[in-house]
Amino acid sequence: MAMAIAEIEAMIRAALPDAKVEVRDLAGDGDHYAATVVSSAFKGKSRVQQHQMVYDALKGRMGGELHALALTTSAG
């Protein structure tokens, strides 16, 4: 079962409360998304660390309920 955009956004915001989050469904199939996440929590972190923080926020759903998520992150 695919994840809804609102659920993805809520999970990211729960882990990164100040985050500006925008999620788009790339293929219209509820399975392939792109997300832009801007959070002060990313300050001083490498891009890999930033992406890991977002994946951690999704609590293991990447690769299962959430098949593909293209990430763009920044500290703002």
Protein backbone atom coordinates (compact mmCIF):
# COMPACT_ATOMS: atom_id res chain seq x y z
CA MET A 1 0.00 0.00 0.00
CA ALA A 2 1.36 3.41 -1.00
CA MET A 3 1.84 6.31 1.37
CA ALA A 4 -0.19 9.51 1.02
CA ILE A 5 1.61 12.81 0.51
CA ALA A 6 0.08 14.18 3.72
CA GLU A 7 1.46 11.23 5.70
CA ILE A 8 4.97 11.70 4.28
CA GLU A 9 4.88 15.43 5.07
CA ALA A 10 3.55 14.81 8.60
CA MET A 11 6.26 12.27 9.41
CA ILE A 12 9.01 14.61 8.22
CA ARG A 13 7.54 17.56 10.14
CA ALA A 14 7.23 15.43 13.29
CA ALA A 15 10.98 14.74 13.20
CA LEU A 16 11.98 18.19 11.93
CA PRO A 17 9.38 20.58 13.38
CA ASP A 18 10.73 23.73 11.71
CA ALA A 19 10.92 22.07 8.29
CA LYS A 20 9.36 23.50 5.17
CA VAL A 21 8.27 20.37 3.31
CA GLU A 22 6.96 20.02 -0.23
CA VAL A 23 6.19 16.55 -1.60
CA ARG A 24 5.15 15.88 -5.21
CA ASP A 25 3.85 12.67 -6.77
CA LEU A 26 6.12 12.22 -9.79
CA ALA A 27 4.26 9.49 -11.64
CA GLY A 28 0.69 9.84 -10.38
CA ASP A 29 0.94 6.32 -8.97
CA GLY A 30 1.32 7.13 -5.27
CA ASP A 31 4.64 5.31 -5.34
CA HIS A 32 7.24 7.72 -6.76
CA TYR A 33 7.69 11.03 -4.99
CA ALA A 34 10.04 14.00 -4.92
CA ALA A 35 10.45 16.00 -1.72
CA THR A 36 12.07 19.31 -0.93
CA VAL A 37 12.88 19.74 2.75
CA VAL A 38 14.35 22.90 4.24
CA SER A 39 15.25 22.81 7.95
CA SER A 40 17.67 24.61 10.24
CA ALA A 41 18.45 21.16 11.69
CA PHE A 42 20.46 20.50 8.51
CA LYS A 43 22.93 23.31 9.27
CA GLY A 44 26.49 21.97 9.32
CA LYS A 45 25.40 18.55 8.03
CA SER A 46 26.54 16.97 4.77
CA ARG A 47 23.94 16.26 2.10
CA VAL A 48 24.17 12.56 2.95
CA GLN A 49 23.53 13.32 6.64
CA GLN A 50 20.58 15.55 5.70
CA HIS A 51 19.04 12.81 3.57
CA GLN A 52 19.61 10.26 6.35
CA MET A 53 17.71 12.52 8.77
CA VAL A 54 14.74 12.53 6.37
CA TYR A 55 14.92 8.76 5.87
CA ASP A 56 15.04 8.31 9.66
CA ALA A 57 11.90 10.46 9.93
CA LEU A 58 10.12 8.00 7.62
CA LYS A 59 10.78 5.20 10.14
CA GLY A 60 11.79 2.40 7.81
CA ARG A 61 9.05 2.92 5.24
CA MET A 62 11.52 3.68 2.43
CA GLY A 63 11.70 0.72 0.08
CA GLY A 64 8.44 -0.69 1.42
CA GLU A 65 5.33 1.49 1.56
CA LEU A 66 7.37 4.29 0.02
CA HIS A 67 9.05 2.93 -3.08
CA ALA A 68 10.98 5.97 -4.33
CA LEU A 69 11.68 9.42 -2.90
CA ALA A 70 13.94 11.89 -4.69
CA LEU A 71 15.22 14.32 -2.06
CA THR A 72 16.38 17.90 -2.19
CA THR A 73 17.47 19.23 1.20
CA SER A 74 18.95 22.45 2.53
CA ALA A 75 19.43 24.34 5.76
CA GLY A 76 17.65 27.33 4.26
